[in-house]
Amino acid sequence: MSPALYLGGFGFGLIAVCYGFARFAFGLFLPQIDAALSLSSTLSGLISGGSFLGYCVAILLSAYLTERAGPRFVALLASLVAALGMTGIAFAHSPVWLA
């Protein structure tokens, strides 16, 4: 397998995990999270909006870091941040921790 095809396949999988699982996991589980943490609709919306803002900042930062540190570093960093974020959601015991 060529290095470009390997990197492309890895990138595709990483995007699927980071964007699919990590980004939308909060929205998919929001009804259960609301019930467990007694979130108001306003607070849920603020946390969701903050998540989207973080995603937008991460896109800009990843473009900058890709030029400086290379795509492999950014791919590794993205996967670590996604795993950390999903772990944080899973163990959130208060709205502040969830945010």
C-alpha atoms as a PDB file:
ATOM      1  CA  MET A   1       0.000   0.000   0.000  1.00  0.00           C
ATOM      2  CA  SER A   2       1.386   3.408  -0.912  1.00  0.00           C
ATOM      3  CA  PRO A   3       2.084   5.914   1.874  1.00  0.00           C
ATOM      4  CA  ALA A   4      -0.460   8.351   0.420  1.00  0.00           C
ATOM      5  CA  LEU A   5      -3.196   5.702   0.333  1.00  0.00           C
ATOM      6  CA  TYR A   6      -2.320   4.575   3.849  1.00  0.00           C
ATOM      7  CA  LEU A   7      -2.451   8.141   5.184  1.00  0.00           C
ATOM      8  CA  GLY A   8      -5.686   8.791   3.295  1.00  0.00           C
ATOM      9  CA  GLY A   9      -7.305   5.666   4.739  1.00  0.00           C
ATOM     10  CA  PHE A  10      -6.119   6.519   8.229  1.00  0.00           C
ATOM     11  CA  GLY A  11      -7.368  10.106   7.810  1.00  0.00           C
ATOM     12  CA  PHE A  12     -10.771   8.905   6.616  1.00  0.00           C
ATOM     13  CA  GLY A  13     -11.120   6.618   9.626  1.00  0.00           C
ATOM     14  CA  LEU A  14      -9.953   9.330  11.991  1.00  0.00           C
ATOM     15  CA  ILE A  15     -12.475  11.806  10.600  1.00  0.00           C
ATOM     16  CA  ALA A  16     -15.229   9.214  10.926  1.00  0.00           C
ATOM     17  CA  VAL A  17     -14.357   8.599  14.571  1.00  0.00           C
ATOM     18  CA  CYS A  18     -13.639  12.197  15.599  1.00  0.00           C
ATOM     19  CA  TYR A  19     -16.475  13.814  13.693  1.00  0.00           C
ATOM     20  CA  GLY A  20     -18.981  10.992  13.903  1.00  0.00           C
ATOM     21  CA  PHE A  21     -18.531   9.473  17.329  1.00  0.00           C
ATOM     22  CA  ALA A  22     -16.864  12.238  19.273  1.00  0.00           C
ATOM     23  CA  ARG A  23     -18.691  15.217  17.791  1.00  0.00           C
ATOM     24  CA  PHE A  24     -22.209  13.814  17.692  1.00  0.00           C
ATOM     25  CA  ALA A  25     -22.077  11.533  20.734  1.00  0.00           C
ATOM     26  CA  PHE A  26     -23.222  14.358  22.962  1.00  0.00           C
ATOM     27  CA  GLY A  27     -26.291  15.054  20.824  1.00  0.00           C
ATOM     28  CA  LEU A  28     -27.214  11.399  20.545  1.00  0.00           C
ATOM     29  CA  PHE A  29     -27.068  10.853  24.283  1.00  0.00           C
ATOM     30  CA  LEU A  30     -28.440  14.261  25.297  1.00  0.00           C
ATOM     31  CA  PRO A  31     -31.836  12.915  26.482  1.00  0.00           C
ATOM     32  CA  GLN A  32     -30.110  10.447  28.816  1.00  0.00           C
ATOM     33  CA  ILE A  33     -27.570  13.060  29.929  1.00  0.00           C
ATOM     34  CA  ASP A  34     -30.388  15.552  30.627  1.00  0.00           C
ATOM     35  CA  ALA A  35     -32.168  12.990  32.773  1.00  0.00           C
ATOM     36  CA  ALA A  36     -29.032  11.997  34.682  1.00  0.00           C
ATOM     37  CA  LEU A  37     -27.752  15.538  35.329  1.00  0.00           C
ATOM     38  CA  SER A  38     -31.093  17.407  35.425  1.00  0.00           C
ATOM     39  CA  LEU A  39     -30.033  19.886  32.727  1.00  0.00           C
ATOM     40  CA  SER A  40     -32.382  22.606  31.574  1.00  0.00           C
ATOM     41  CA  SER A  41     -32.889  23.090  27.849  1.00  0.00           C
ATOM     42  CA  THR A  42     -31.002  26.407  28.097  1.00  0.00           C
ATOM     43  CA  LEU A  43     -27.994  24.788  29.760  1.00  0.00           C
ATOM     44  CA  SER A  44     -28.053  21.904  27.257  1.00  0.00           C
ATOM     45  CA  GLY A  45     -28.070  24.429  24.430  1.00  0.00           C
ATOM     46  CA  LEU A  46     -25.187  26.399  25.939  1.00  0.00           C
ATOM     47  CA  ILE A  47     -23.092  23.250  26.366  1.00  0.00           C
ATOM     48  CA  SER A  48     -23.910  22.152  22.806  1.00  0.00           C
ATOM     49  CA  GLY A  49     -23.022  25.605  21.487  1.00  0.00           C
ATOM     50  CA  GLY A  50     -19.755  25.547  23.408  1.00  0.00           C
ATOM     51  CA  SER A  51     -18.985  22.155  21.903  1.00  0.00           C
ATOM     52  CA  PHE A  52     -19.577  23.521  18.413  1.00  0.00           C
ATOM     53  CA  LEU A  53     -17.420  26.568  19.139  1.00  0.00           C
ATOM     54  CA  GLY A  54     -14.639  24.247  20.293  1.00  0.00           C
ATOM     55  CA  TYR A  55     -15.025  22.259  17.085  1.00  0.00           C
ATOM     56  CA  CYS A  56     -14.688  25.445  14.989  1.00  0.00           C
ATOM     57  CA  VAL A  57     -11.575  26.516  16.906  1.00  0.00           C
ATOM     58  CA  ALA A  58     -10.117  23.012  16.482  1.00  0.00           C
ATOM     59  CA  ILE A  59     -10.565  23.228  12.696  1.00  0.00           C
ATOM     60  CA  LEU A  60      -8.599  26.478  12.569  1.00  0.00           C
ATOM     61  CA  LEU A  61      -5.965  25.176  14.955  1.00  0.00           C
ATOM     62  CA  SER A  62      -5.567  21.923  13.020  1.00  0.00           C
ATOM     63  CA  ALA A  63      -4.911  23.834   9.785  1.00  0.00           C
ATOM     64  CA  TYR A  64      -2.221  25.858  11.543  1.00  0.00           C
ATOM     65  CA  LEU A  65      -0.671  22.832  13.259  1.00  0.00           C
ATOM     66  CA  THR A  66      -0.675  20.746  10.084  1.00  0.00           C
ATOM     67  CA  GLU A  67       1.551  23.328   8.415  1.00  0.00           C
ATOM     68  CA  ARG A  68       3.870  23.527  11.433  1.00  0.00           C
ATOM     69  CA  ALA A  69       3.991  19.986  12.836  1.00  0.00           C
ATOM     70  CA  GLY A  70       2.673  17.803   9.999  1.00  0.00           C
ATOM     71  CA  PRO A  71      -0.498  15.802   9.401  1.00  0.00           C
ATOM     72  CA  ARG A  72       0.519  12.775  11.448  1.00  0.00           C
ATOM     73  CA  PHE A  73       0.949  14.832  14.600  1.00  0.00           C
ATOM     74  CA  VAL A  74      -2.419  16.515  14.062  1.00  0.00           C
ATOM     75  CA  ALA A  75      -4.111  13.163  13.396  1.00  0.00           C
ATOM     76  CA  LEU A  76      -2.677  11.709  16.590  1.00  0.00           C
ATOM     77  CA  LEU A  77      -3.635  14.808  18.574  1.00  0.00           C
ATOM     78  CA  ALA A  78      -7.185  14.727  17.153  1.00  0.00           C
ATOM     79  CA  SER A  79      -7.660  11.105  18.140  1.00  0.00           C
ATOM     80  CA  LEU A  80      -6.372  11.760  21.664  1.00  0.00           C
ATOM     81  CA  VAL A  81      -8.617  14.802  22.110  1.00  0.00           C
ATOM     82  CA  ALA A  82     -11.631  12.844  20.818  1.00  0.00           C
ATOM     83  CA  ALA A  83     -10.945   9.971  23.212  1.00  0.00           C
ATOM     84  CA  LEU A  84     -10.466  12.365  26.111  1.00  0.00           C
ATOM     85  CA  GLY A  85     -13.683  14.207  25.264  1.00  0.00           C
ATOM     86  CA  MET A  86     -15.746  11.035  25.062  1.00  0.00           C
ATOM     87  CA  THR A  87     -14.256   9.858  28.351  1.00  0.00           C
ATOM     88  CA  GLY A  88     -15.154  13.200  29.906  1.00  0.00           C
ATOM     89  CA  ILE A  89     -18.754  12.873  28.704  1.00  0.00           C
ATOM     90  CA  ALA A  90     -18.967   9.316  30.034  1.00  0.00           C
ATOM     91  CA  PHE A  91     -17.733  10.278  33.503  1.00  0.00           C
ATOM     92  CA  ALA A  92     -19.427  13.679  33.806  1.00  0.00           C
ATOM     93  CA  HIS A  93     -21.125  13.977  37.172  1.00  0.00           C
ATOM     94  CA  SER A  94     -22.116  17.642  36.927  1.00  0.00           C
ATOM     95  CA  PRO A  95     -22.998  20.154  34.205  1.00  0.00           C
ATOM     96  CA  VAL A  96     -19.682  21.962  34.757  1.00  0.00           C
ATOM     97  CA  TRP A  97     -17.683  18.759  34.166  1.00  0.00           C
ATOM     98  CA  LEU A  98     -19.831  17.993  31.094  1.00  0.00           C
ATOM     99  CA  ALA A  99     -19.181  21.444  29.629  1.00  0.00           C
END
